[in-house]
PDB file of N, CA and C in Angstrom:
ATOM      1  N   MET A   1       0.837  -1.180   0.000  1.00  0.00           N
ATOM      2  CA  MET A   1       0.000   0.000   0.000  1.00  0.00           C
ATOM      3  C   MET A   1       0.882   1.243   0.000  1.00  0.00           C
ATOM      4  N   MET A   2       0.485   2.241  -0.788  1.00  0.00           N
ATOM      5  CA  MET A   2       1.265   3.473  -0.891  1.00  0.00           C
ATOM      6  C   MET A   2       1.083   4.344   0.344  1.00  0.00           C
ATOM      7  N   SER A   3       2.119   5.078   0.651  1.00  0.00           N
ATOM      8  CA  SER A   3       2.019   6.042   1.748  1.00  0.00           C
ATOM      9  C   SER A   3       1.242   7.261   1.264  1.00  0.00           C
ATOM     10  N   ILE A   4       0.847   8.100   2.199  1.00  0.00           N
ATOM     11  CA  ILE A   4       0.134   9.332   1.840  1.00  0.00           C
ATOM     12  C   ILE A   4       1.003  10.190   0.928  1.00  0.00           C
ATOM     13  N   LYS A   5       2.304  10.224   1.213  1.00  0.00           N
ATOM     14  CA  LYS A   5       3.226  11.007   0.388  1.00  0.00           C
ATOM     15  C   LYS A   5       3.274  10.463  -1.042  1.00  0.00           C
ATOM     16  N   GLU A   6       3.335   9.136  -1.168  1.00  0.00           N
ATOM     17  CA  GLU A   6       3.345   8.524  -2.502  1.00  0.00           C
ATOM     18  C   GLU A   6       2.023   8.776  -3.218  1.00  0.00           C
ATOM     19  N   ASP A   7       0.903   8.665  -2.485  1.00  0.00           N
ATOM     20  CA  ASP A   7      -0.407   8.948  -3.071  1.00  0.00           C
ATOM     21  C   ASP A   7      -0.453  10.364  -3.634  1.00  0.00           C
ATOM     22  N   ALA A   8       0.045  11.307  -2.862  1.00  0.00           N
ATOM     23  CA  ALA A   8       0.041  12.713  -3.286  1.00  0.00           C
ATOM     24  C   ALA A   8       0.915  12.906  -4.517  1.00  0.00           C
ATOM     25  N   ALA A   9       2.054  12.222  -4.569  1.00  0.00           N
ATOM     26  CA  ALA A   9       2.951  12.342  -5.723  1.00  0.00           C
ATOM     27  C   ALA A   9       2.269  11.838  -6.988  1.00  0.00           C
ATOM     28  N   VAL A  10       1.548  10.731  -6.878  1.00  0.00           N
ATOM     29  CA  VAL A  10       0.821  10.191  -8.032  1.00  0.00           C
ATOM     30  C   VAL A  10      -0.296  11.141  -8.432  1.00  0.00           C
ATOM     31  N   ALA A  11      -1.016  11.690  -7.460  1.00  0.00           N
ATOM     32  CA  ALA A  11      -2.115  12.611  -7.744  1.00  0.00           C
ATOM     33  C   ALA A  11      -1.625  13.881  -8.429  1.00  0.00           C
ATOM     34  N   MET A  12      -0.399  14.269  -8.160  1.00  0.00           N
ATOM     35  CA  MET A  12       0.152  15.502  -8.728  1.00  0.00           C
ATOM     36  C   MET A  12       0.903  15.249 -10.040  1.00  0.00           C
ATOM     37  N   ALA A  13       0.839  14.042 -10.562  1.00  0.00           N
ATOM     38  CA  ALA A  13       1.570  13.710 -11.788  1.00  0.00           C
ATOM     39  C   ALA A  13       1.110  14.608 -12.934  1.00  0.00           C
ATOM     40  N   PRO A  14       2.037  14.989 -13.812  1.00  0.00           N
ATOM     41  CA  PRO A  14       1.639  15.813 -14.962  1.00  0.00           C
ATOM     42  C   PRO A  14       0.678  15.034 -15.860  1.00  0.00           C
ATOM     43  N   ARG A  15      -0.213  15.750 -16.516  1.00  0.00           N
ATOM     44  CA  ARG A  15      -1.243  15.097 -17.333  1.00  0.00           C
ATOM     45  C   ARG A  15      -0.676  14.212 -18.433  1.00  0.00           C
ATOM     46  N   ASP A  16       0.490  14.538 -18.973  1.00  0.00           N
ATOM     47  CA  ASP A  16       1.044  13.700 -20.042  1.00  0.00           C
ATOM     48  C   ASP A  16       1.631  12.401 -19.494  1.00  0.00           C
ATOM     49  N   TYR A  17       1.606  12.230 -18.199  1.00  0.00           N
ATOM     50  CA  TYR A  17       2.107  11.017 -17.552  1.00  0.00           C
ATOM     51  C   TYR A  17       1.041   9.927 -17.526  1.00  0.00           C
ATOM     52  N   TYR A  18      -0.217  10.306 -17.630  1.00  0.00           N
ATOM     53  CA  TYR A  18      -1.313   9.355 -17.520  1.00  0.00           C
ATOM     54  C   TYR A  18      -1.362   8.401 -18.711  1.00  0.00           C
ATOM     55  N   LEU A  19      -1.718   7.151 -18.436  1.00  0.00           N
ATOM     56  CA  LEU A  19      -1.954   6.189 -19.511  1.00  0.00           C
ATOM     57  C   LEU A  19      -3.346   6.391 -20.118  1.00  0.00           C
ATOM     58  N   VAL A  20      -4.274   6.832 -19.291  1.00  0.00           N
ATOM     59  CA  VAL A  20      -5.637   7.109 -19.726  1.00  0.00           C
ATOM     60  C   VAL A  20      -5.882   8.594 -19.479  1.00  0.00           C
ATOM     61  N   ASP A  21      -6.225   9.324 -20.523  1.00  0.00           N
ATOM     62  CA  ASP A  21      -6.351  10.777 -20.372  1.00  0.00           C
ATOM     63  C   ASP A  21      -7.636  11.175 -19.652  1.00  0.00           C
ATOM     64  N   VAL A  22      -7.680  12.427 -19.245  1.00  0.00           N
ATOM     65  CA  VAL A  22      -8.794  12.950 -18.457  1.00  0.00           C
ATOM     66  C   VAL A  22     -10.116  12.823 -19.206  1.00  0.00           C
ATOM     67  N   GLN A  23     -10.132  13.108 -20.498  1.00  0.00           N
ATOM     68  CA  GLN A  23     -11.368  13.029 -21.276  1.00  0.00           C
ATOM     69  C   GLN A  23     -11.915  11.600 -21.295  1.00  0.00           C
ATOM     70  N   THR A  24     -11.024  10.626 -21.403  1.00  0.00           N
ATOM     71  CA  THR A  24     -11.466   9.229 -21.406  1.00  0.00           C
ATOM     72  C   THR A  24     -12.084   8.867 -20.064  1.00  0.00           C
ATOM     73  N   TRP A  25     -11.415   9.274 -18.971  1.00  0.00           N
ATOM     74  CA  TRP A  25     -11.974   8.998 -17.637  1.00  0.00           C
ATOM     75  C   TRP A  25     -13.310   9.695 -17.463  1.00  0.00           C
ATOM     76  N   GLU A  26     -13.450  10.912 -17.962  1.00  0.00           N
ATOM     77  CA  GLU A  26     -14.728  11.615 -17.850  1.00  0.00           C
ATOM     78  C   GLU A  26     -15.832  10.863 -18.584  1.00  0.00           C
ATOM     79  N   ALA A  27     -15.515  10.327 -19.753  1.00  0.00           N
ATOM     80  CA  ALA A  27     -16.495   9.549 -20.512  1.00  0.00           C
ATOM     81  C   ALA A  27     -16.865   8.262 -19.762  1.00  0.00           C
ATOM     82  N   ILE A  28     -15.888   7.635 -19.155  1.00  0.00           N
ATOM     83  CA  ILE A  28     -16.149   6.404 -18.404  1.00  0.00           C
ATOM     84  C   ILE A  28     -17.047   6.691 -17.200  1.00  0.00           C
ATOM     85  N   VAL A  29     -16.664   7.682 -16.406  1.00  0.00           N
ATOM     86  CA  VAL A  29     -17.439   7.933 -15.180  1.00  0.00           C
ATOM     87  C   VAL A  29     -18.814   8.522 -15.482  1.00  0.00           C
ATOM     88  N   GLU A  30     -18.984   9.108 -16.646  1.00  0.00           N
ATOM     89  CA  GLU A  30     -20.301   9.612 -17.047  1.00  0.00           C
ATOM     90  C   GLU A  30     -21.325   8.478 -17.061  1.00  0.00           C
ATOM     91  N   ALA A  31     -20.869   7.282 -17.388  1.00  0.00           N
ATOM     92  CA  ALA A  31     -21.754   6.114 -17.406  1.00  0.00           C
ATOM     93  C   ALA A  31     -22.308   5.795 -16.016  1.00  0.00           C
ATOM     94  N   PHE A  32     -21.659   6.292 -14.969  1.00  0.00           N
ATOM     95  CA  PHE A  32     -22.108   6.025 -13.602  1.00  0.00           C
ATOM     96  C   PHE A  32     -23.054   7.095 -13.060  1.00  0.00           C
ATOM     97  N   GLU A  33     -23.315   8.134 -13.842  1.00  0.00           N
ATOM     98  CA  GLU A  33     -24.211   9.204 -13.392  1.00  0.00           C
ATOM     99  C   GLU A  33     -25.549   8.618 -13.018  1.00  0.00           C
ATOM    100  N   GLY A  34     -26.039   8.993 -11.846  1.00  0.00           N
ATOM    101  CA  GLY A  34     -27.311   8.482 -11.374  1.00  0.00           C
ATOM    102  C   GLY A  34     -27.222   7.098 -10.755  1.00  0.00           C
ATOM    103  N   ASN A  35     -26.015   6.548 -10.668  1.00  0.00           N
ATOM    104  CA  ASN A  35     -25.834   5.219 -10.098  1.00  0.00           C
ATOM    105  C   ASN A  35     -24.637   5.244  -9.142  1.00  0.00           C
ATOM    106  N   PRO A  36     -24.810   5.897  -7.988  1.00  0.00           N
ATOM    107  CA  PRO A  36     -23.691   6.097  -7.078  1.00  0.00           C
ATOM    108  C   PRO A  36     -23.094   4.802  -6.511  1.00  0.00           C
ATOM    109  N   GLU A  37     -23.895   3.771  -6.352  1.00  0.00           N
ATOM    110  CA  GLU A  37     -23.363   2.511  -5.817  1.00  0.00           C
ATOM    111  C   GLU A  37     -22.408   1.855  -6.813  1.00  0.00           C
ATOM    112  N   THR A  38     -22.766   1.884  -8.078  1.00  0.00           N
ATOM    113  CA  THR A  38     -21.887   1.323  -9.108  1.00  0.00           C
ATOM    114  C   THR A  38     -20.620   2.159  -9.231  1.00  0.00           C
ATOM    115  N   ALA A  39     -20.753   3.470  -9.116  1.00  0.00           N
ATOM    116  CA  ALA A  39     -19.576   4.343  -9.151  1.00  0.00           C
ATOM    117  C   ALA A  39     -18.638   3.999  -8.003  1.00  0.00           C
ATOM    118  N   LEU A  40     -19.196   3.788  -6.821  1.00  0.00           N
ATOM    119  CA  LEU A  40     -18.382   3.413  -5.665  1.00  0.00           C
ATOM    120  C   LEU A  40     -17.724   2.056  -5.885  1.00  0.00           C
ATOM    121  N   ASP A  41     -18.472   1.098  -6.400  1.00  0.00           N
ATOM    122  CA  ASP A  41     -17.901  -0.231  -6.689  1.00  0.00           C
ATOM    123  C   ASP A  41     -16.731  -0.114  -7.659  1.00  0.00           C
ATOM    124  N   PHE A  42     -16.892   0.706  -8.690  1.00  0.00           N
ATOM    125  CA  PHE A  42     -15.820   0.884  -9.670  1.00  0.00           C
ATOM    126  C   PHE A  42     -14.593   1.528  -9.028  1.00  0.00           C
ATOM    127  N   ALA A  43     -14.825   2.519  -8.176  1.00  0.00           N
ATOM    128  CA  ALA A  43     -13.706   3.165  -7.470  1.00  0.00           C
ATOM    129  C   ALA A  43     -12.975   2.164  -6.579  1.00  0.00           C
ATOM    130  N   VAL A  44     -13.711   1.276  -5.939  1.00  0.00           N
ATOM    131  CA  VAL A  44     -13.087   0.242  -5.103  1.00  0.00           C
ATOM    132  C   VAL A  44     -12.249  -0.699  -5.970  1.00  0.00           C
ATOM    133  N   VAL A  45     -12.767  -1.065  -7.134  1.00  0.00           N
ATOM    134  CA  VAL A  45     -11.998  -1.927  -8.051  1.00  0.00           C
ATOM    135  C   VAL A  45     -10.703  -1.223  -8.459  1.00  0.00           C
ATOM    136  N   LEU A  46     -10.795   0.052  -8.823  1.00  0.00           N
ATOM    137  CA  LEU A  46      -9.592   0.798  -9.214  1.00  0.00           C
ATOM    138  C   LEU A  46      -8.584   0.853  -8.073  1.00  0.00           C
ATOM    139  N   LYS A  47      -9.055   1.120  -6.867  1.00  0.00           N
ATOM    140  CA  LYS A  47      -8.168   1.198  -5.703  1.00  0.00           C
ATOM    141  C   LYS A  47      -7.535  -0.169  -5.425  1.00  0.00           C
ATOM    142  N   THR A  48      -8.297  -1.229  -5.545  1.00  0.00           N
ATOM    143  CA  THR A  48      -7.774  -2.579  -5.341  1.00  0.00           C
ATOM    144  C   THR A  48      -6.681  -2.888  -6.361  1.00  0.00           C
ATOM    145  N   LEU A  49      -6.922  -2.542  -7.622  1.00  0.00           N
ATOM    146  CA  LEU A  49      -5.913  -2.752  -8.663  1.00  0.00           C
ATOM    147  C   LEU A  49      -4.662  -1.934  -8.382  1.00  0.00           C
ATOM    148  N   ARG A  50      -4.864  -0.692  -7.984  1.00  0.00           N
ATOM    149  CA  ARG A  50      -3.739   0.193  -7.679  1.00  0.00           C
ATOM    150  C   ARG A  50      -2.890  -0.365  -6.540  1.00  0.00           C
ATOM    151  N   ASP A  51      -3.551  -0.796  -5.468  1.00  0.00           N
ATOM    152  CA  ASP A  51      -2.832  -1.365  -4.325  1.00  0.00           C
ATOM    153  C   ASP A  51      -2.098  -2.641  -4.718  1.00  0.00           C
ATOM    154  N   SER A  52      -2.744  -3.441  -5.553  1.00  0.00           N
ATOM    155  CA  SER A  52      -2.133  -4.690  -5.994  1.00  0.00           C
ATOM    156  C   SER A  52      -0.886  -4.427  -6.837  1.00  0.00           C
ATOM    157  N   ILE A  53      -0.966  -3.474  -7.743  1.00  0.00           N
ATOM    158  CA  ILE A  53       0.182  -3.117  -8.580  1.00  0.00           C
ATOM    159  C   ILE A  53       1.332  -2.620  -7.713  1.00  0.00           C
ATOM    160  N   SER A  54       1.002  -1.866  -6.684  1.00  0.00           N
ATOM    161  CA  SER A  54       2.018  -1.312  -5.790  1.00  0.00           C
ATOM    162  C   SER A  54       2.652  -2.359  -4.890  1.00  0.00           C
ATOM    163  N   ALA A  55       2.022  -3.509  -4.764  1.00  0.00           N
ATOM    164  CA  ALA A  55       2.465  -4.530  -3.813  1.00  0.00           C
ATOM    165  C   ALA A  55       3.630  -5.391  -4.312  1.00  0.00           C
ATOM    166  N   GLY A  56       4.027  -5.241  -5.559  1.00  0.00           N
ATOM    167  CA  GLY A  56       5.137  -6.045  -6.066  1.00  0.00           C
ATOM    168  C   GLY A  56       4.715  -6.964  -7.186  1.00  0.00           C
ATOM    169  N   ARG A  57       5.623  -7.880  -7.545  1.00  0.00           N
ATOM    170  CA  ARG A  57       5.432  -8.740  -8.713  1.00  0.00           C
ATOM    171  C   ARG A  57       4.139  -9.558  -8.645  1.00  0.00           C
ATOM    172  N   LYS A  58       3.896 -10.247  -7.537  1.00  0.00           N
ATOM    173  CA  LYS A  58       2.682 -11.065  -7.439  1.00  0.00           C
ATOM    174  C   LYS A  58       1.427 -10.200  -7.533  1.00  0.00           C
ATOM    175  N   GLY A  59       1.490  -9.037  -6.921  1.00  0.00           N
ATOM    176  CA  GLY A  59       0.358  -8.117  -6.999  1.00  0.00           C
ATOM    177  C   GLY A  59       0.124  -7.630  -8.414  1.00  0.00           C
ATOM    178  N   ARG A  60       1.213  -7.325  -9.127  1.00  0.00           N
ATOM    179  CA  ARG A  60       1.082  -6.890 -10.522  1.00  0.00           C
ATOM    180  C   ARG A  60       0.492  -8.001 -11.375  1.00  0.00           C
ATOM    181  N   GLU A  61       0.940  -9.239 -11.142  1.00  0.00           N
ATOM    182  CA  GLU A  61       0.405 -10.369 -11.905  1.00  0.00           C
ATOM    183  C   GLU A  61      -1.092 -10.545 -11.649  1.00  0.00           C
ATOM    184  N   ALA A  62      -1.500 -10.394 -10.396  1.00  0.00           N
ATOM    185  CA  ALA A  62      -2.921 -10.509 -10.056  1.00  0.00           C
ATOM    186  C   ALA A  62      -3.710  -9.366 -10.687  1.00  0.00           C
ATOM    187  N   ALA A  63      -3.149  -8.158 -10.684  1.00  0.00           N
ATOM    188  CA  ALA A  63      -3.826  -7.012 -11.296  1.00  0.00           C
ATOM    189  C   ALA A  63      -3.988  -7.228 -12.791  1.00  0.00           C
ATOM    190  N   ILE A  64      -2.952  -7.722 -13.451  1.00  0.00           N
ATOM    191  CA  ILE A  64      -3.030  -7.979 -14.893  1.00  0.00           C
ATOM    192  C   ILE A  64      -4.088  -9.030 -15.188  1.00  0.00           C
ATOM    193  N   ALA A  65      -4.120 -10.097 -14.390  1.00  0.00           N
ATOM    194  CA  ALA A  65      -5.135 -11.139 -14.586  1.00  0.00           C
ATOM    195  C   ALA A  65      -6.540 -10.564 -14.395  1.00  0.00           C
ATOM    196  N   SER A  66      -6.697  -9.699 -13.401  1.00  0.00           N
ATOM    197  CA  SER A  66      -8.003  -9.072 -13.153  1.00  0.00           C
ATOM    198  C   SER A  66      -8.398  -8.140 -14.292  1.00  0.00           C
ATOM    199  N   LEU A  67      -7.442  -7.374 -14.797  1.00  0.00           N
ATOM    200  CA  LEU A  67      -7.719  -6.490 -15.937  1.00  0.00           C
ATOM    201  C   LEU A  67      -8.078  -7.295 -17.179  1.00  0.00           C
ATOM    202  N   ASP A  68      -7.378  -8.404 -17.407  1.00  0.00           N
ATOM    203  CA  ASP A  68      -7.705  -9.273 -18.540  1.00  0.00           C
ATOM    204  C   ASP A  68      -9.129  -9.800 -18.428  1.00  0.00           C
ATOM    205  N   LEU A  69      -9.536 -10.180 -17.208  1.00  0.00           N
ATOM    206  CA  LEU A  69     -10.899 -10.650 -16.989  1.00  0.00           C
ATOM    207  C   LEU A  69     -11.897  -9.530 -17.281  1.00  0.00           C
ATOM    208  N   GLY A  70     -11.587  -8.325 -16.843  1.00  0.00           N
ATOM    209  CA  GLY A  70     -12.456  -7.183 -17.120  1.00  0.00           C
ATOM    210  C   GLY A  70     -12.597  -6.922 -18.609  1.00  0.00           C
ATOM    211  N   ILE A  71     -11.489  -7.017 -19.327  1.00  0.00           N
ATOM    212  CA  ILE A  71     -11.514  -6.843 -20.785  1.00  0.00           C
ATOM    213  C   ILE A  71     -12.415  -7.901 -21.414  1.00  0.00           C
ATOM    214  N   GLU A  72     -12.247  -9.134 -20.961  1.00  0.00           N
ATOM    215  CA  GLU A  72     -13.059 -10.239 -21.480  1.00  0.00           C
ATOM    216  C   GLU A  72     -14.552 -10.012 -21.201  1.00  0.00           C
ATOM    217  N   LYS A  73     -14.866  -9.500 -20.025  1.00  0.00           N
ATOM    218  CA  LYS A  73     -16.269  -9.284 -19.649  1.00  0.00           C
ATOM    219  C   LYS A  73     -16.896  -8.112 -20.399  1.00  0.00           C
ATOM    220  N   THR A  74     -16.092  -7.143 -20.850  1.00  0.00           N
ATOM    221  CA  THR A  74     -16.655  -6.016 -21.599  1.00  0.00           C
ATOM    222  C   THR A  74     -16.865  -6.355 -23.078  1.00  0.00           C
ATOM    223  N   PHE A  75     -16.169  -7.358 -23.584  1.00  0.00           N
ATOM    224  CA  PHE A  75     -16.265  -7.692 -25.011  1.00  0.00           C
ATOM    225  C   PHE A  75     -17.700  -7.894 -25.488  1.00  0.00           C
ATOM    226  N   PRO A  76     -18.551  -8.634 -24.759  1.00  0.00           N
ATOM    227  CA  PRO A  76     -19.925  -8.820 -25.254  1.00  0.00           C
ATOM    228  C   PRO A  76     -20.743  -7.526 -25.347  1.00  0.00           C
ATOM    229  N   LEU A  77     -20.249  -6.452 -24.766  1.00  0.00           N
ATOM    230  CA  LEU A  77     -20.971  -5.178 -24.802  1.00  0.00           C
ATOM    231  C   LEU A  77     -20.542  -4.303 -25.981  1.00  0.00           C
ATOM    232  N   THR A  78     -19.618  -4.792 -26.799  1.00  0.00           N
ATOM    233  CA  THR A  78     -19.046  -3.983 -27.873  1.00  0.00           C
ATOM    234  C   THR A  78     -19.672  -4.280 -29.235  1.00  0.00           C
ATOM    235  N   ARG A  79     -19.483  -3.349 -30.154  1.00  0.00           N
ATOM    236  CA  ARG A  79     -19.919  -3.565 -31.540  1.00  0.00           C
ATOM    237  C   ARG A  79     -19.110  -4.686 -32.193  1.00  0.00           C
ATOM    238  N   ASP A  80     -17.845  -4.813 -31.804  1.00  0.00           N
ATOM    239  CA  ASP A  80     -17.008  -5.879 -32.363  1.00  0.00           C
ATOM    240  C   ASP A  80     -17.594  -7.248 -32.046  1.00  0.00           C
ATOM    241  N   TYR A  81     -18.108  -7.391 -30.834  1.00  0.00           N
ATOM    242  CA  TYR A  81     -18.725  -8.655 -30.438  1.00  0.00           C
ATOM    243  C   TYR A  81     -19.936  -8.939 -31.320  1.00  0.00           C
ATOM    244  N   MET A  82     -20.772  -7.917 -31.507  1.00  0.00           N
ATOM    245  CA  MET A  82     -21.967  -8.103 -32.330  1.00  0.00           C
ATOM    246  C   MET A  82     -21.591  -8.460 -33.771  1.00  0.00           C
ATOM    247  N   ALA A  83     -20.544  -7.815 -34.291  1.00  0.00           N
ATOM    248  CA  ALA A  83     -20.091  -8.131 -35.649  1.00  0.00           C
ATOM    249  C   ALA A  83     -19.592  -9.575 -35.715  1.00  0.00           C
ATOM    250  N   ALA A  84     -18.826  -9.979 -34.719  1.00  0.00           N
ATOM    251  CA  ALA A  84     -18.309 -11.354 -34.685  1.00  0.00           C
ATOM    252  C   ALA A  84     -19.458 -12.353 -34.553  1.00  0.00           C
ATOM    253  N   LEU A  85     -20.427 -12.020 -33.719  1.00  0.00           N
ATOM    254  CA  LEU A  85     -21.583 -12.900 -33.546  1.00  0.00           C
ATOM    255  C   LEU A  85     -22.381 -13.018 -34.842  1.00  0.00           C
ATOM    256  N   ASN A  86     -22.546 -11.895 -35.548  1.00  0.00           N
ATOM    257  CA  ASN A  86     -23.254 -11.931 -36.833  1.00  0.00           C
ATOM    258  C   ASN A  86     -22.504 -12.778 -37.853  1.00  0.00           C
ATOM    259  N   LEU A  87     -21.183 -12.648 -37.893  1.00  0.00           N
ATOM    260  CA  LEU A  87     -20.386 -13.495 -38.795  1.00  0.00           C
ATOM    261  C   LEU A  87     -20.530 -14.969 -38.425  1.00  0.00           C
ATOM    262  N   PHE A  88     -20.497 -15.244 -37.131  1.00  0.00           N
ATOM    263  CA  PHE A  88     -20.646 -16.623 -36.668  1.00  0.00           C
ATOM    264  C   PHE A  88     -22.001 -17.190 -37.096  1.00  0.00           C
ATOM    265  N   HIS A  89     -23.066 -16.411 -36.892  1.00  0.00           N
ATOM    266  CA  HIS A  89     -24.401 -16.871 -37.289  1.00  0.00           C
ATOM    267  C   HIS A  89     -24.498 -17.050 -38.804  1.00  0.00           C
ATOM    268  N   ALA A  90     -23.866 -16.167 -39.552  1.00  0.00           N
ATOM    269  CA  ALA A  90     -23.858 -16.316 -41.019  1.00  0.00           C
ATOM    270  C   ALA A  90     -23.135 -17.604 -41.419  1.00  0.00           C
ATOM    271  N   ARG A  91     -22.059 -17.896 -40.724  1.00  0.00           N
ATOM    272  CA  ARG A  91     -21.270 -19.103 -41.029  1.00  0.00           C
ATOM    273  C   ARG A  91     -22.064 -20.359 -40.703  1.00  0.00           C
ATOM    274  N   ILE A  92     -22.680 -20.406 -39.522  1.00  0.00           N
ATOM    275  CA  ILE A  92     -23.382 -21.641 -39.140  1.00  0.00           C
ATOM    276  C   ILE A  92     -24.712 -21.803 -39.870  1.00  0.00           C
ATOM    277  N   SER A  93     -25.271 -20.708 -40.392  1.00  0.00           N
ATOM    278  CA  SER A  93     -26.527 -20.816 -41.138  1.00  0.00           C
ATOM    279  C   SER A  93     -26.295 -21.112 -42.616  1.00  0.00           C
ATOM    280  N   GLY A  94     -25.023 -21.077 -43.036  1.00  0.00           N
ATOM    281  CA  GLY A  94     -24.709 -21.371 -44.421  1.00  0.00           C
ATOM    282  C   GLY A  94     -24.664 -20.141 -45.309  1.00  0.00           C
ATOM    283  N   THR A  95     -24.958 -18.971 -44.772  1.00  0.00           N
ATOM    284  CA  THR A  95     -24.915 -17.734 -45.546  1.00  0.00           C
ATOM    285  C   THR A  95     -23.481 -17.405 -45.952  1.00  0.00           C
ATOM    286  N   LEU A  96     -22.569 -17.650 -45.058  1.00  0.00           N
ATOM    287  CA  LEU A  96     -21.141 -17.454 -45.321  1.00  0.00           C
ATOM    288  C   LEU A  96     -20.597 -18.828 -45.681  1.00  0.00           C
ATOM    289  N   LYS A  97     -20.496 -19.116 -46.986  1.00  0.00           N
ATOM    290  CA  LYS A  97     -20.237 -20.481 -47.421  1.00  0.00           C
ATOM    291  C   LYS A  97     -18.769 -20.814 -47.629  1.00  0.00           C
ATOM    292  N   ARG A  98     -18.073 -20.004 -48.366  1.00  0.00           N
ATOM    293  CA  ARG A  98     -16.700 -20.356 -48.710  1.00  0.00           C
ATOM    294  C   ARG A  98     -15.746 -19.971 -47.601  1.00  0.00           C
ATOM    295  N   GLU A  99     -14.769 -20.821 -47.349  1.00  0.00           N
ATOM    296  CA  GLU A  99     -13.783 -20.584 -46.296  1.00  0.00           C
ATOM    297  C   GLU A  99     -13.024 -19.280 -46.495  1.00  0.00           C
ATOM    298  N   GLU A 100     -12.812 -18.884 -47.755  1.00  0.00           N
ATOM    299  CA  GLU A 100     -12.040 -17.666 -48.000  1.00  0.00           C
ATOM    300  C   GLU A 100     -12.862 -16.387 -47.817  1.00  0.00           C
ATOM    301  N   GLU A 101     -14.182 -16.498 -47.656  1.00  0.00           N
ATOM    302  CA  GLU A 101     -15.007 -15.310 -47.460  1.00  0.00           C
ATOM    303  C   GLU A 101     -14.694 -14.606 -46.147  1.00  0.00           C
ATOM    304  N   LEU A 102     -14.462 -15.360 -45.092  1.00  0.00           N
ATOM    305  CA  LEU A 102     -14.214 -14.758 -43.783  1.00  0.00           C
ATOM    306  C   LEU A 102     -12.955 -13.893 -43.786  1.00  0.00           C
ATOM    307  N   PRO A 103     -11.813 -14.389 -44.278  1.00  0.00           N
ATOM    308  CA  PRO A 103     -10.642 -13.512 -44.321  1.00  0.00           C
ATOM    309  C   PRO A 103     -10.872 -12.248 -45.157  1.00  0.00           C
ATOM    310  N   ARG A 104     -11.622 -12.367 -46.263  1.00  0.00           N
ATOM    311  CA  ARG A 104     -11.924 -11.210 -47.098  1.00  0.00           C
ATOM    312  C   ARG A 104     -12.761 -10.198 -46.325  1.00  0.00           C
ATOM    313  N   LEU A 105     -13.764 -10.664 -45.614  1.00  0.00           N
ATOM    314  CA  LEU A 105     -14.617  -9.772 -44.829  1.00  0.00           C
ATOM    315  C   LEU A 105     -13.832  -9.084 -43.712  1.00  0.00           C
ATOM    316  N   VAL A 106     -12.977  -9.835 -43.049  1.00  0.00           N
ATOM    317  CA  VAL A 106     -12.153  -9.263 -41.978  1.00  0.00           C
ATOM    318  C   VAL A 106     -11.244  -8.183 -42.556  1.00  0.00           C
ATOM    319  N   LYS A 107     -10.667  -8.447 -43.728  1.00  0.00           N
ATOM    320  CA  LYS A 107      -9.799  -7.462 -44.372  1.00  0.00           C
ATOM    321  C   LYS A 107     -10.584  -6.200 -44.725  1.00  0.00           C
ATOM    322  N   GLU A 108     -11.783  -6.356 -45.256  1.00  0.00           N
ATOM    323  CA  GLU A 108     -12.623  -5.209 -45.602  1.00  0.00           C
ATOM    324  C   GLU A 108     -12.958  -4.383 -44.365  1.00  0.00           C
ATOM    325  N   ILE A 109     -13.302  -5.049 -43.270  1.00  0.00           N
ATOM    326  CA  ILE A 109     -13.628  -4.359 -42.034  1.00  0.00           C
ATOM    327  C   ILE A 109     -12.410  -3.611 -41.518  1.00  0.00           C
ATOM    328  N   SER A 110     -11.253  -4.242 -41.558  1.00  0.00           N
ATOM    329  CA  SER A 110     -10.017  -3.624 -41.081  1.00  0.00           C
ATOM    330  C   SER A 110      -9.684  -2.392 -41.901  1.00  0.00           C
ATOM    331  N   GLU A 111      -9.863  -2.453 -43.203  1.00  0.00           N
ATOM    332  CA  GLU A 111      -9.556  -1.313 -44.068  1.00  0.00           C
ATOM    333  C   GLU A 111     -10.519  -0.153 -43.833  1.00  0.00           C
ATOM    334  N   LYS A 112     -11.782  -0.448 -43.499  1.00  0.00           N
ATOM    335  CA  LYS A 112     -12.765   0.607 -43.215  1.00  0.00           C
ATOM    336  C   LYS A 112     -12.409   1.376 -41.957  1.00  0.00           C
ATOM    337  N   LYS A 113     -11.783   0.726 -40.980  1.00  0.00           N
ATOM    338  CA  LYS A 113     -11.439   1.365 -39.711  1.00  0.00           C
ATOM    339  C   LYS A 113     -10.266   2.326 -39.861  1.00  0.00           C
ATOM    340  N   LYS A 114      -9.465   2.175 -40.900  1.00  0.00           N
ATOM    341  CA  LYS A 114      -8.264   3.017 -41.090  1.00  0.00           C
ATOM    342  C   LYS A 114      -8.612   4.407 -41.497  1.00  0.00           C
TER     343      LYS A 114
END
């Protein structure tokens, strides 16, 4: 666990030091508006991850595993998941017939994002 002095040093870090910028955090926490219990739960998760990272190698490994789980749990809420699910349904229903169609579609989607 960080000391109060270490906490203050992190809080005073220059903005270009952050991995996640202020605008991104504002967008994230906006989702908690009107839901103070969920906001508190999220803050507890962040604090737990922070303490774990500060605790050394085993703590960092546990934090990474927890973050990976969080990433996995958010995937079904994304447009990418819906696109993948639609491709899967097209494949199993026979709409997507040829094996080479999937790589072509993935390439087209990737090029559209650029």
